[in-house]
Amino acid sequence: MSRVTLYRIEKGEPSVTMGAYFNAMIALNIDFGIITPAKLTANEVDVDHQGWIPARIHLSDYPQLKQLAWHVLGTDELTPVEALSIYERNWRHVDAQKLDPHEKQLVDALRTGLGKSVRNV
């Protein structure tokens, strides 16, 4: 790297390429890496998916639904209508305190989006 390029980096001129910046970082032993976004914790709810109904509901993502759907054989996914039907028929077996926030969000979205026919949900 030339002295002029280093001088331009120090001044913050816009004409310096990213490659030159990386070379300067390597020379200074500065580690540059991509930071992955933090995952949501179990208590946080993804606001972007509020009211959102997935096309296929994976049983492994919803522990209470998985327990209620013990009789469903040969598939790990349900349609939203099937999931709502299982919740409706077996709601008395659901422990409301153990519902994860994202599962509660799913139940609310199913109830809102697929009708008010839910008896005890």
PDB file of N, CA and C in Angstrom:
ATOM      1  N   MET A   1       0.852  -1.160   0.000  1.00  0.00           N
ATOM      2  CA  MET A   1       0.000   0.000   0.000  1.00  0.00           C
ATOM      3  C   MET A   1       0.904   1.231   0.000  1.00  0.00           C
ATOM      4  N   SER A   2       0.510   2.207  -0.754  1.00  0.00           N
ATOM      5  CA  SER A   2       1.345   3.405  -0.848  1.00  0.00           C
ATOM      6  C   SER A   2       1.094   4.339   0.328  1.00  0.00           C
ATOM      7  N   ARG A   3       2.042   5.241   0.515  1.00  0.00           N
ATOM      8  CA  ARG A   3       1.906   6.233   1.595  1.00  0.00           C
ATOM      9  C   ARG A   3       0.732   7.161   1.329  1.00  0.00           C
ATOM     10  N   VAL A   4       0.497   7.436   0.057  1.00  0.00           N
ATOM     11  CA  VAL A   4      -0.610   8.326  -0.303  1.00  0.00           C
ATOM     12  C   VAL A   4      -1.950   7.680   0.071  1.00  0.00           C
ATOM     13  N   THR A   5      -2.077   6.385  -0.194  1.00  0.00           N
ATOM     14  CA  THR A   5      -3.316   5.679   0.156  1.00  0.00           C
ATOM     15  C   THR A   5      -3.523   5.677   1.665  1.00  0.00           C
ATOM     16  N   LEU A   6      -2.452   5.426   2.415  1.00  0.00           N
ATOM     17  CA  LEU A   6      -2.553   5.448   3.869  1.00  0.00           C
ATOM     18  C   LEU A   6      -2.938   6.839   4.361  1.00  0.00           C
ATOM     19  N   TYR A   7      -2.383   7.858   3.750  1.00  0.00           N
ATOM     20  CA  TYR A   7      -2.723   9.235   4.110  1.00  0.00           C
ATOM     21  C   TYR A   7      -4.209   9.492   3.832  1.00  0.00           C
ATOM     22  N   ARG A   8      -4.711   9.001   2.689  1.00  0.00           N
ATOM     23  CA  ARG A   8      -6.125   9.189   2.343  1.00  0.00           C
ATOM     24  C   ARG A   8      -7.040   8.439   3.327  1.00  0.00           C
ATOM     25  N   ILE A   9      -6.600   7.266   3.760  1.00  0.00           N
ATOM     26  CA  ILE A   9      -7.380   6.527   4.765  1.00  0.00           C
ATOM     27  C   ILE A   9      -7.456   7.327   6.056  1.00  0.00           C
ATOM     28  N   GLU A  10      -6.319   7.888   6.484  1.00  0.00           N
ATOM     29  CA  GLU A  10      -6.288   8.669   7.723  1.00  0.00           C
ATOM     30  C   GLU A  10      -7.167   9.904   7.631  1.00  0.00           C
ATOM     31  N   LYS A  11      -7.246  10.500   6.455  1.00  0.00           N
ATOM     32  CA  LYS A  11      -8.089  11.686   6.271  1.00  0.00           C
ATOM     33  C   LYS A  11      -9.565  11.329   6.123  1.00  0.00           C
ATOM     34  N   GLY A  12      -9.832  10.066   5.781  1.00  0.00           N
ATOM     35  CA  GLY A  12     -11.216   9.646   5.590  1.00  0.00           C
ATOM     36  C   GLY A  12     -11.772  10.013   4.231  1.00  0.00           C
ATOM     37  N   GLU A  13     -10.912  10.106   3.240  1.00  0.00           N
ATOM     38  CA  GLU A  13     -11.369  10.468   1.901  1.00  0.00           C
ATOM     39  C   GLU A  13     -12.201   9.340   1.296  1.00  0.00           C
ATOM     40  N   PRO A  14     -13.228   9.693   0.531  1.00  0.00           N
ATOM     41  CA  PRO A  14     -14.108   8.674  -0.043  1.00  0.00           C
ATOM     42  C   PRO A  14     -13.505   7.913  -1.225  1.00  0.00           C
ATOM     43  N   SER A  15     -12.371   8.350  -1.738  1.00  0.00           N
ATOM     44  CA  SER A  15     -11.797   7.709  -2.924  1.00  0.00           C
ATOM     45  C   SER A  15     -11.024   6.431  -2.610  1.00  0.00           C
ATOM     46  N   VAL A  16     -10.885   6.070  -1.341  1.00  0.00           N
ATOM     47  CA  VAL A  16     -10.126   4.884  -0.950  1.00  0.00           C
ATOM     48  C   VAL A  16     -11.029   3.650  -1.073  1.00  0.00           C
ATOM     49  N   THR A  17     -10.500   2.575  -1.648  1.00  0.00           N
ATOM     50  CA  THR A  17     -11.291   1.354  -1.840  1.00  0.00           C
ATOM     51  C   THR A  17     -11.358   0.541  -0.549  1.00  0.00           C
ATOM     52  N   MET A  18     -12.327  -0.350  -0.517  1.00  0.00           N
ATOM     53  CA  MET A  18     -12.466  -1.228   0.650  1.00  0.00           C
ATOM     54  C   MET A  18     -11.256  -2.143   0.791  1.00  0.00           C
ATOM     55  N   GLY A  19     -10.685  -2.550  -0.335  1.00  0.00           N
ATOM     56  CA  GLY A  19      -9.499  -3.400  -0.293  1.00  0.00           C
ATOM     57  C   GLY A  19      -8.351  -2.723   0.428  1.00  0.00           C
ATOM     58  N   ALA A  20      -8.202  -1.423   0.212  1.00  0.00           N
ATOM     59  CA  ALA A  20      -7.149  -0.675   0.895  1.00  0.00           C
ATOM     60  C   ALA A  20      -7.426  -0.612   2.395  1.00  0.00           C
ATOM     61  N   TYR A  21      -8.690  -0.425   2.753  1.00  0.00           N
ATOM     62  CA  TYR A  21      -9.041  -0.428   4.175  1.00  0.00           C
ATOM     63  C   TYR A  21      -8.733  -1.786   4.812  1.00  0.00           C
ATOM     64  N   PHE A  22      -9.066  -2.871   4.114  1.00  0.00           N
ATOM     65  CA  PHE A  22      -8.769  -4.210   4.641  1.00  0.00           C
ATOM     66  C   PHE A  22      -7.269  -4.437   4.777  1.00  0.00           C
ATOM     67  N   ASN A  23      -6.493  -3.965   3.808  1.00  0.00           N
ATOM     68  CA  ASN A  23      -5.034  -4.101   3.904  1.00  0.00           C
ATOM     69  C   ASN A  23      -4.497  -3.342   5.114  1.00  0.00           C
ATOM     70  N   ALA A  24      -5.032  -2.156   5.368  1.00  0.00           N
ATOM     71  CA  ALA A  24      -4.601  -1.379   6.528  1.00  0.00           C
ATOM     72  C   ALA A  24      -4.999  -2.091   7.824  1.00  0.00           C
ATOM     73  N   MET A  25      -6.181  -2.684   7.841  1.00  0.00           N
ATOM     74  CA  MET A  25      -6.623  -3.409   9.034  1.00  0.00           C
ATOM     75  C   MET A  25      -5.743  -4.624   9.296  1.00  0.00           C
ATOM     76  N   ILE A  26      -5.364  -5.329   8.247  1.00  0.00           N
ATOM     77  CA  ILE A  26      -4.479  -6.487   8.400  1.00  0.00           C
ATOM     78  C   ILE A  26      -3.120  -6.053   8.930  1.00  0.00           C
ATOM     79  N   ALA A  27      -2.606  -4.929   8.420  1.00  0.00           N
ATOM     80  CA  ALA A  27      -1.304  -4.435   8.870  1.00  0.00           C
ATOM     81  C   ALA A  27      -1.337  -4.042  10.343  1.00  0.00           C
ATOM     82  N   LEU A  28      -2.500  -3.606  10.826  1.00  0.00           N
ATOM     83  CA  LEU A  28      -2.640  -3.190  12.222  1.00  0.00           C
ATOM     84  C   LEU A  28      -3.136  -4.325  13.126  1.00  0.00           C
ATOM     85  N   ASN A  29      -3.246  -5.544  12.578  1.00  0.00           N
ATOM     86  CA  ASN A  29      -3.747  -6.712  13.319  1.00  0.00           C
ATOM     87  C   ASN A  29      -5.168  -6.510  13.851  1.00  0.00           C
ATOM     88  N   ILE A  30      -5.987  -5.843  13.077  1.00  0.00           N
ATOM     89  CA  ILE A  30      -7.392  -5.656  13.438  1.00  0.00           C
ATOM     90  C   ILE A  30      -8.179  -6.768  12.764  1.00  0.00           C
ATOM     91  N   ASP A  31      -8.893  -7.544  13.564  1.00  0.00           N
ATOM     92  CA  ASP A  31      -9.675  -8.654  13.033  1.00  0.00           C
ATOM     93  C   ASP A  31     -11.005  -8.127  12.533  1.00  0.00           C
ATOM     94  N   PHE A  32     -11.310  -8.445  11.304  1.00  0.00           N
ATOM     95  CA  PHE A  32     -12.587  -8.049  10.725  1.00  0.00           C
ATOM     96  C   PHE A  32     -13.392  -9.304  10.450  1.00  0.00           C
ATOM     97  N   GLY A  33     -14.553  -9.400  11.036  1.00  0.00           N
ATOM     98  CA  GLY A  33     -15.403 -10.566  10.817  1.00  0.00           C
ATOM     99  C   GLY A  33     -16.850 -10.140  10.727  1.00  0.00           C
ATOM    100  N   ILE A  34     -17.642 -11.019  10.214  1.00  0.00           N
ATOM    101  CA  ILE A  34     -19.068 -10.755  10.106  1.00  0.00           C
ATOM    102  C   ILE A  34     -19.721 -11.160  11.419  1.00  0.00           C
ATOM    103  N   ILE A  35     -20.485 -10.269  11.968  1.00  0.00           N
ATOM    104  CA  ILE A  35     -21.169 -10.527  13.230  1.00  0.00           C
ATOM    105  C   ILE A  35     -22.564 -11.041  12.907  1.00  0.00           C
ATOM    106  N   THR A  36     -22.887 -12.204  13.426  1.00  0.00           N
ATOM    107  CA  THR A  36     -24.219 -12.747  13.196  1.00  0.00           C
ATOM    108  C   THR A  36     -25.206 -12.080  14.149  1.00  0.00           C
ATOM    109  N   PRO A  37     -26.422 -11.863  13.692  1.00  0.00           N
ATOM    110  CA  PRO A  37     -27.399 -11.223  14.571  1.00  0.00           C
ATOM    111  C   PRO A  37     -27.747 -12.121  15.751  1.00  0.00           C
ATOM    112  N   ALA A  38     -28.060 -11.499  16.846  1.00  0.00           N
ATOM    113  CA  ALA A  38     -28.415 -12.248  18.056  1.00  0.00           C
ATOM    114  C   ALA A  38     -29.748 -12.951  17.848  1.00  0.00           C
ATOM    115  N   LYS A  39     -29.852 -14.145  18.386  1.00  0.00           N
ATOM    116  CA  LYS A  39     -31.101 -14.901  18.307  1.00  0.00           C
ATOM    117  C   LYS A  39     -32.075 -14.359  19.343  1.00  0.00           C
ATOM    118  N   LEU A  40     -33.344 -14.544  19.059  1.00  0.00           N
ATOM    119  CA  LEU A  40     -34.350 -14.167  20.036  1.00  0.00           C
ATOM    120  C   LEU A  40     -34.287 -15.130  21.211  1.00  0.00           C
ATOM    121  N   THR A  41     -34.449 -14.593  22.390  1.00  0.00           N
ATOM    122  CA  THR A  41     -34.500 -15.473  23.553  1.00  0.00           C
ATOM    123  C   THR A  41     -35.884 -16.111  23.612  1.00  0.00           C
ATOM    124  N   ALA A  42     -36.028 -17.084  24.457  1.00  0.00           N
ATOM    125  CA  ALA A  42     -37.295 -17.812  24.540  1.00  0.00           C
ATOM    126  C   ALA A  42     -38.442 -16.911  24.990  1.00  0.00           C
ATOM    127  N   ASN A  43     -38.150 -15.848  25.743  1.00  0.00           N
ATOM    128  CA  ASN A  43     -39.208 -14.988  26.265  1.00  0.00           C
ATOM    129  C   ASN A  43     -39.605 -13.882  25.301  1.00  0.00           C
ATOM    130  N   GLU A  44     -38.793 -13.636  24.274  1.00  0.00           N
ATOM    131  CA  GLU A  44     -39.101 -12.571  23.340  1.00  0.00           C
ATOM    132  C   GLU A  44     -40.021 -13.085  22.245  1.00  0.00           C
ATOM    133  N   VAL A  45     -40.833 -12.192  21.734  1.00  0.00           N
ATOM    134  CA  VAL A  45     -41.737 -12.531  20.651  1.00  0.00           C
ATOM    135  C   VAL A  45     -41.280 -11.773  19.418  1.00  0.00           C
ATOM    136  N   ASP A  46     -41.258 -12.464  18.282  1.00  0.00           N
ATOM    137  CA  ASP A  46     -40.871 -11.826  17.037  1.00  0.00           C
ATOM    138  C   ASP A  46     -42.026 -10.948  16.578  1.00  0.00           C
ATOM    139  N   VAL A  47     -41.869  -9.634  16.684  1.00  0.00           N
ATOM    140  CA  VAL A  47     -42.935  -8.693  16.373  1.00  0.00           C
ATOM    141  C   VAL A  47     -43.303  -8.753  14.895  1.00  0.00           C
ATOM    142  N   ASP A  48     -42.339  -9.071  14.032  1.00  0.00           N
ATOM    143  CA  ASP A  48     -42.613  -9.133  12.603  1.00  0.00           C
ATOM    144  C   ASP A  48     -43.626 -10.215  12.253  1.00  0.00           C
ATOM    145  N   HIS A  49     -43.753 -11.235  13.075  1.00  0.00           N
ATOM    146  CA  HIS A  49     -44.651 -12.340  12.779  1.00  0.00           C
ATOM    147  C   HIS A  49     -45.949 -12.280  13.571  1.00  0.00           C
ATOM    148  N   GLN A  50     -46.231 -11.163  14.193  1.00  0.00           N
ATOM    149  CA  GLN A  50     -47.456 -11.052  14.965  1.00  0.00           C
ATOM    150  C   GLN A  50     -48.652 -11.083  14.017  1.00  0.00           C
ATOM    151  N   GLY A  51     -49.585 -11.984  14.267  1.00  0.00           N
ATOM    152  CA  GLY A  51     -50.754 -12.132  13.415  1.00  0.00           C
ATOM    153  C   GLY A  51     -50.485 -12.932  12.153  1.00  0.00           C
ATOM    154  N   TRP A  52     -49.309 -13.499  12.045  1.00  0.00           N
ATOM    155  CA  TRP A  52     -48.870 -14.226  10.854  1.00  0.00           C
ATOM    156  C   TRP A  52     -49.163 -15.701  11.028  1.00  0.00           C
ATOM    157  N   ILE A  53     -49.748 -16.306   9.996  1.00  0.00           N
ATOM    158  CA  ILE A  53     -50.033 -17.742  10.023  1.00  0.00           C
ATOM    159  C   ILE A  53     -49.140 -18.413   8.984  1.00  0.00           C
ATOM    160  N   PRO A  54     -48.267 -19.328   9.403  1.00  0.00           N
ATOM    161  CA  PRO A  54     -47.411 -20.012   8.430  1.00  0.00           C
ATOM    162  C   PRO A  54     -48.229 -20.959   7.548  1.00  0.00           C
ATOM    163  N   ALA A  55     -47.744 -21.210   6.335  1.00  0.00           N
ATOM    164  CA  ALA A  55     -48.434 -22.113   5.415  1.00  0.00           C
ATOM    165  C   ALA A  55     -48.416 -23.544   5.945  1.00  0.00           C
ATOM    166  N   ARG A  56     -47.311 -23.953   6.530  1.00  0.00           N
ATOM    167  CA  ARG A  56     -47.178 -25.271   7.154  1.00  0.00           C
ATOM    168  C   ARG A  56     -46.665 -25.055   8.569  1.00  0.00           C
ATOM    169  N   ILE A  57     -47.273 -25.698   9.525  1.00  0.00           N
ATOM    170  CA  ILE A  57     -46.898 -25.536  10.927  1.00  0.00           C
ATOM    171  C   ILE A  57     -46.087 -26.757  11.344  1.00  0.00           C
ATOM    172  N   HIS A  58     -44.821 -26.539  11.664  1.00  0.00           N
ATOM    173  CA  HIS A  58     -43.929 -27.622  12.083  1.00  0.00           C
ATOM    174  C   HIS A  58     -44.202 -27.955  13.546  1.00  0.00           C
ATOM    175  N   LEU A  59     -44.501 -29.202  13.814  1.00  0.00           N
ATOM    176  CA  LEU A  59     -44.819 -29.616  15.181  1.00  0.00           C
ATOM    177  C   LEU A  59     -43.646 -29.413  16.130  1.00  0.00           C
ATOM    178  N   SER A  60     -42.429 -29.537  15.634  1.00  0.00           N
ATOM    179  CA  SER A  60     -41.257 -29.395  16.503  1.00  0.00           C
ATOM    180  C   SER A  60     -41.092 -27.966  17.022  1.00  0.00           C
ATOM    181  N   ASP A  61     -41.711 -26.988  16.357  1.00  0.00           N
ATOM    182  CA  ASP A  61     -41.600 -25.594  16.790  1.00  0.00           C
ATOM    183  C   ASP A  61     -42.601 -25.231  17.887  1.00  0.00           C
ATOM    184  N   TYR A  62     -43.608 -26.060  18.089  1.00  0.00           N
ATOM    185  CA  TYR A  62     -44.677 -25.755  19.034  1.00  0.00           C
ATOM    186  C   TYR A  62     -44.890 -26.955  19.965  1.00  0.00           C
ATOM    187  N   PRO A  63     -44.260 -26.955  21.145  1.00  0.00           N
ATOM    188  CA  PRO A  63     -44.289 -28.127  22.030  1.00  0.00           C
ATOM    189  C   PRO A  63     -45.693 -28.539  22.497  1.00  0.00           C
ATOM    190  N   GLN A  64     -46.542 -27.587  22.822  1.00  0.00           N
ATOM    191  CA  GLN A  64     -47.894 -27.944  23.278  1.00  0.00           C
ATOM    192  C   GLN A  64     -48.698 -28.580  22.145  1.00  0.00           C
ATOM    193  N   LEU A  65     -48.567 -28.035  20.940  1.00  0.00           N
ATOM    194  CA  LEU A  65     -49.264 -28.607  19.786  1.00  0.00           C
ATOM    195  C   LEU A  65     -48.748 -30.011  19.493  1.00  0.00           C
ATOM    196  N   LYS A  66     -47.455 -30.204  19.658  1.00  0.00           N
ATOM    197  CA  LYS A  66     -46.871 -31.531  19.421  1.00  0.00           C
ATOM    198  C   LYS A  66     -47.457 -32.555  20.395  1.00  0.00           C
ATOM    199  N   GLN A  67     -47.649 -32.153  21.648  1.00  0.00           N
ATOM    200  CA  GLN A  67     -48.254 -33.065  22.624  1.00  0.00           C
ATOM    201  C   GLN A  67     -49.713 -33.356  22.279  1.00  0.00           C
ATOM    202  N   LEU A  68     -50.418 -32.328  21.815  1.00  0.00           N
ATOM    203  CA  LEU A  68     -51.824 -32.520  21.464  1.00  0.00           C
ATOM    204  C   LEU A  68     -51.985 -33.381  20.217  1.00  0.00           C
ATOM    205  N   ALA A  69     -50.993 -33.330  19.328  1.00  0.00           N
ATOM    206  CA  ALA A  69     -51.073 -34.054  18.052  1.00  0.00           C
ATOM    207  C   ALA A  69     -50.332 -35.381  18.125  1.00  0.00           C
ATOM    208  N   TRP A  70     -50.375 -36.036  19.244  1.00  0.00           N
ATOM    209  CA  TRP A  70     -49.669 -37.307  19.415  1.00  0.00           C
ATOM    210  C   TRP A  70     -50.188 -38.373  18.468  1.00  0.00           C
ATOM    211  N   HIS A  71     -51.445 -38.267  18.075  1.00  0.00           N
ATOM    212  CA  HIS A  71     -52.071 -39.274  17.225  1.00  0.00           C
ATOM    213  C   HIS A  71     -51.798 -39.070  15.732  1.00  0.00           C
ATOM    214  N   VAL A  72     -51.209 -37.945  15.363  1.00  0.00           N
ATOM    215  CA  VAL A  72     -50.909 -37.669  13.956  1.00  0.00           C
ATOM    216  C   VAL A  72     -49.653 -38.443  13.580  1.00  0.00           C
ATOM    217  N   LEU A  73     -49.791 -39.360  12.656  1.00  0.00           N
ATOM    218  CA  LEU A  73     -48.677 -40.223  12.267  1.00  0.00           C
ATOM    219  C   LEU A  73     -48.208 -39.896  10.849  1.00  0.00           C
ATOM    220  N   GLY A  74     -46.914 -40.030  10.624  1.00  0.00           N
ATOM    221  CA  GLY A  74     -46.365 -39.910   9.284  1.00  0.00           C
ATOM    222  C   GLY A  74     -46.098 -38.503   8.802  1.00  0.00           C
ATOM    223  N   THR A  75     -46.273 -37.518   9.632  1.00  0.00           N
ATOM    224  CA  THR A  75     -45.988 -36.149   9.208  1.00  0.00           C
ATOM    225  C   THR A  75     -45.487 -35.335  10.395  1.00  0.00           C
ATOM    226  N   ASP A  76     -44.655 -34.381  10.093  1.00  0.00           N
ATOM    227  CA  ASP A  76     -44.150 -33.465  11.118  1.00  0.00           C
ATOM    228  C   ASP A  76     -44.721 -32.070  10.934  1.00  0.00           C
ATOM    229  N   GLU A  77     -45.622 -31.923   9.973  1.00  0.00           N
ATOM    230  CA  GLU A  77     -46.206 -30.623   9.665  1.00  0.00           C
ATOM    231  C   GLU A  77     -47.725 -30.733   9.624  1.00  0.00           C
ATOM    232  N   LEU A  78     -48.370 -29.623   9.924  1.00  0.00           N
ATOM    233  CA  LEU A  78     -49.824 -29.543   9.837  1.00  0.00           C
ATOM    234  C   LEU A  78     -50.201 -28.299   9.049  1.00  0.00           C
ATOM    235  N   THR A  79     -51.379 -28.319   8.456  1.00  0.00           N
ATOM    236  CA  THR A  79     -51.901 -27.103   7.847  1.00  0.00           C
ATOM    237  C   THR A  79     -52.475 -26.246   8.974  1.00  0.00           C
ATOM    238  N   PRO A  80     -52.664 -24.966   8.747  1.00  0.00           N
ATOM    239  CA  PRO A  80     -53.253 -24.125   9.794  1.00  0.00           C
ATOM    240  C   PRO A  80     -54.642 -24.595  10.236  1.00  0.00           C
ATOM    241  N   VAL A  81     -55.442 -25.085   9.301  1.00  0.00           N
ATOM    242  CA  VAL A  81     -56.781 -25.568   9.651  1.00  0.00           C
ATOM    243  C   VAL A  81     -56.684 -26.795  10.555  1.00  0.00           C
ATOM    244  N   GLU A  82     -55.768 -27.713  10.236  1.00  0.00           N
ATOM    245  CA  GLU A  82     -55.577 -28.901  11.072  1.00  0.00           C
ATOM    246  C   GLU A  82     -55.094 -28.515  12.468  1.00  0.00           C
ATOM    247  N   ALA A  83     -54.164 -27.560  12.529  1.00  0.00           N
ATOM    248  CA  ALA A  83     -53.637 -27.129  13.829  1.00  0.00           C
ATOM    249  C   ALA A  83     -54.732 -26.493  14.676  1.00  0.00           C
ATOM    250  N   LEU A  84     -55.540 -25.632  14.065  1.00  0.00           N
ATOM    251  CA  LEU A  84     -56.631 -25.000  14.809  1.00  0.00           C
ATOM    252  C   LEU A  84     -57.628 -26.047  15.293  1.00  0.00           C
ATOM    253  N   SER A  85     -57.915 -27.016  14.454  1.00  0.00           N
ATOM    254  CA  SER A  85     -58.842 -28.080  14.840  1.00  0.00           C
ATOM    255  C   SER A  85     -58.313 -28.863  16.041  1.00  0.00           C
ATOM    256  N   ILE A  86     -57.025 -29.169  16.026  1.00  0.00           N
ATOM    257  CA  ILE A  86     -56.426 -29.903  17.154  1.00  0.00           C
ATOM    258  C   ILE A  86     -56.451 -29.056  18.421  1.00  0.00           C
ATOM    259  N   TYR A  87     -56.119 -27.762  18.291  1.00  0.00           N
ATOM    260  CA  TYR A  87     -56.184 -26.876  19.461  1.00  0.00           C
ATOM    261  C   TYR A  87     -57.612 -26.818  20.004  1.00  0.00           C
ATOM    262  N   GLU A  88     -58.603 -26.682  19.106  1.00  0.00           N
ATOM    263  CA  GLU A  88     -60.000 -26.577  19.543  1.00  0.00           C
ATOM    264  C   GLU A  88     -60.454 -27.824  20.298  1.00  0.00           C
ATOM    265  N   ARG A  89     -60.178 -28.983  19.725  1.00  0.00           N
ATOM    266  CA  ARG A  89     -60.661 -30.233  20.315  1.00  0.00           C
ATOM    267  C   ARG A  89     -59.967 -30.587  21.618  1.00  0.00           C
ATOM    268  N   ASN A  90     -58.719 -30.155  21.782  1.00  0.00           N
ATOM    269  CA  ASN A  90     -57.926 -30.606  22.929  1.00  0.00           C
ATOM    270  C   ASN A  90     -57.462 -29.469  23.842  1.00  0.00           C
ATOM    271  N   TRP A  91     -58.103 -28.321  23.755  1.00  0.00           N
ATOM    272  CA  TRP A  91     -57.632 -27.167  24.528  1.00  0.00           C
ATOM    273  C   TRP A  91     -57.637 -27.443  26.031  1.00  0.00           C
ATOM    274  N   ARG A  92     -58.520 -28.286  26.486  1.00  0.00           N
ATOM    275  CA  ARG A  92     -58.590 -28.587  27.927  1.00  0.00           C
ATOM    276  C   ARG A  92     -57.317 -29.254  28.439  1.00  0.00           C
ATOM    277  N   HIS A  93     -56.513 -29.817  27.535  1.00  0.00           N
ATOM    278  CA  HIS A  93     -55.265 -30.476  27.922  1.00  0.00           C
ATOM    279  C   HIS A  93     -54.052 -29.547  27.866  1.00  0.00           C
ATOM    280  N   VAL A  94     -54.256 -28.321  27.389  1.00  0.00           N
ATOM    281  CA  VAL A  94     -53.143 -27.374  27.248  1.00  0.00           C
ATOM    282  C   VAL A  94     -52.899 -26.677  28.575  1.00  0.00           C
ATOM    283  N   ASP A  95     -51.649 -26.614  28.971  1.00  0.00           N
ATOM    284  CA  ASP A  95     -51.263 -25.848  30.155  1.00  0.00           C
ATOM    285  C   ASP A  95     -50.923 -24.437  29.679  1.00  0.00           C
ATOM    286  N   ALA A  96     -51.826 -23.496  29.924  1.00  0.00           N
ATOM    287  CA  ALA A  96     -51.668 -22.136  29.400  1.00  0.00           C
ATOM    288  C   ALA A  96     -50.406 -21.454  29.928  1.00  0.00           C
ATOM    289  N   GLN A  97     -49.965 -21.802  31.139  1.00  0.00           N
ATOM    290  CA  GLN A  97     -48.749 -21.198  31.686  1.00  0.00           C
ATOM    291  C   GLN A  97     -47.498 -21.692  30.964  1.00  0.00           C
ATOM    292  N   LYS A  98     -47.561 -22.866  30.367  1.00  0.00           N
ATOM    293  CA  LYS A  98     -46.399 -23.419  29.672  1.00  0.00           C
ATOM    294  C   LYS A  98     -46.347 -23.050  28.191  1.00  0.00           C
ATOM    295  N   LEU A  99     -47.338 -22.305  27.711  1.00  0.00           N
ATOM    296  CA  LEU A  99     -47.325 -21.887  26.311  1.00  0.00           C
ATOM    297  C   LEU A  99     -46.177 -20.909  26.080  1.00  0.00           C
ATOM    298  N   ASP A 100     -45.343 -21.205  25.102  1.00  0.00           N
ATOM    299  CA  ASP A 100     -44.289 -20.268  24.717  1.00  0.00           C
ATOM    300  C   ASP A 100     -44.939 -19.044  24.086  1.00  0.00           C
ATOM    301  N   PRO A 101     -44.276 -17.882  24.141  1.00  0.00           N
ATOM    302  CA  PRO A 101     -44.867 -16.690  23.521  1.00  0.00           C
ATOM    303  C   PRO A 101     -45.173 -16.878  22.034  1.00  0.00           C
ATOM    304  N   HIS A 102     -44.274 -17.555  21.304  1.00  0.00           N
ATOM    305  CA  HIS A 102     -44.536 -17.722  19.869  1.00  0.00           C
ATOM    306  C   HIS A 102     -45.678 -18.712  19.615  1.00  0.00           C
ATOM    307  N   GLU A 103     -45.891 -19.654  20.531  1.00  0.00           N
ATOM    308  CA  GLU A 103     -47.021 -20.572  20.364  1.00  0.00           C
ATOM    309  C   GLU A 103     -48.332 -19.871  20.711  1.00  0.00           C
ATOM    310  N   LYS A 104     -48.306 -19.025  21.724  1.00  0.00           N
ATOM    311  CA  LYS A 104     -49.495 -18.232  22.054  1.00  0.00           C
ATOM    312  C   LYS A 104     -49.843 -17.315  20.891  1.00  0.00           C
ATOM    313  N   GLN A 105     -48.804 -16.753  20.275  1.00  0.00           N
ATOM    314  CA  GLN A 105     -48.996 -15.892  19.111  1.00  0.00           C
ATOM    315  C   GLN A 105     -49.638 -16.678  17.961  1.00  0.00           C
ATOM    316  N   LEU A 106     -49.210 -17.930  17.771  1.00  0.00           N
ATOM    317  CA  LEU A 106     -49.797 -18.773  16.725  1.00  0.00           C
ATOM    318  C   LEU A 106     -51.267 -19.046  17.013  1.00  0.00           C
ATOM    319  N   VAL A 107     -51.593 -19.394  18.247  1.00  0.00           N
ATOM    320  CA  VAL A 107     -52.986 -19.680  18.607  1.00  0.00           C
ATOM    321  C   VAL A 107     -53.853 -18.451  18.361  1.00  0.00           C
ATOM    322  N   ASP A 108     -53.376 -17.282  18.774  1.00  0.00           N
ATOM    323  CA  ASP A 108     -54.135 -16.051  18.555  1.00  0.00           C
ATOM    324  C   ASP A 108     -54.320 -15.771  17.070  1.00  0.00           C
ATOM    325  N   ALA A 109     -53.265 -15.982  16.276  1.00  0.00           N
ATOM    326  CA  ALA A 109     -53.343 -15.739  14.832  1.00  0.00           C
ATOM    327  C   ALA A 109     -54.302 -16.722  14.167  1.00  0.00           C
ATOM    328  N   LEU A 110     -54.252 -17.987  14.575  1.00  0.00           N
ATOM    329  CA  LEU A 110     -55.172 -18.981  14.012  1.00  0.00           C
ATOM    330  C   LEU A 110     -56.615 -18.627  14.350  1.00  0.00           C
ATOM    331  N   ARG A 111     -56.840 -18.231  15.584  1.00  0.00           N
ATOM    332  CA  ARG A 111     -58.191 -17.873  16.018  1.00  0.00           C
ATOM    333  C   ARG A 111     -58.706 -16.651  15.264  1.00  0.00           C
ATOM    334  N   THR A 112     -57.840 -15.662  15.095  1.00  0.00           N
ATOM    335  CA  THR A 112     -58.244 -14.443  14.405  1.00  0.00           C
ATOM    336  C   THR A 112     -58.422 -14.684  12.912  1.00  0.00           C
ATOM    337  N   GLY A 113     -57.494 -15.407  12.316  1.00  0.00           N
ATOM    338  CA  GLY A 113     -57.506 -15.564  10.867  1.00  0.00           C
ATOM    339  C   GLY A 113     -58.448 -16.615  10.328  1.00  0.00           C
ATOM    340  N   LEU A 114     -58.713 -17.648  11.110  1.00  0.00           N
ATOM    341  CA  LEU A 114     -59.513 -18.760  10.590  1.00  0.00           C
ATOM    342  C   LEU A 114     -60.903 -18.835  11.196  1.00  0.00           C
ATOM    343  N   GLY A 115     -61.292 -17.834  11.917  1.00  0.00           N
ATOM    344  CA  GLY A 115     -62.660 -17.816  12.396  1.00  0.00           C
ATOM    345  C   GLY A 115     -62.769 -17.798  13.898  1.00  0.00           C
ATOM    346  N   LYS A 116     -63.940 -17.456  14.325  1.00  0.00           N
ATOM    347  CA  LYS A 116     -64.238 -17.343  15.751  1.00  0.00           C
ATOM    348  C   LYS A 116     -64.896 -18.607  16.277  1.00  0.00           C
ATOM    349  N   SER A 117     -64.689 -19.720  15.586  1.00  0.00           N
ATOM    350  CA  SER A 117     -65.360 -20.946  15.994  1.00  0.00           C
ATOM    351  C   SER A 117     -64.688 -21.638  17.165  1.00  0.00           C
ATOM    352  N   VAL A 118     -63.622 -21.053  17.670  1.00  0.00           N
ATOM    353  CA  VAL A 118     -62.892 -21.687  18.765  1.00  0.00           C
ATOM    354  C   VAL A 118     -63.735 -21.610  20.028  1.00  0.00           C
ATOM    355  N   ARG A 119     -64.002 -22.742  20.596  1.00  0.00           N
ATOM    356  CA  ARG A 119     -64.882 -22.788  21.762  1.00  0.00           C
ATOM    357  C   ARG A 119     -64.173 -22.342  23.033  1.00  0.00           C
ATOM    358  N   ASN A 120     -63.063 -22.976  23.349  1.00  0.00           N
ATOM    359  CA  ASN A 120     -62.415 -22.729  24.631  1.00  0.00           C
ATOM    360  C   ASN A 120     -61.005 -22.190  24.493  1.00  0.00           C
ATOM    361  N   VAL A 121     -60.586 -21.828  23.318  1.00  0.00           N
ATOM    362  CA  VAL A 121     -59.206 -21.380  23.116  1.00  0.00           C
ATOM    363  C   VAL A 121     -59.102 -19.926  23.471  1.00  0.00           C
TER     364      VAL A 121
END
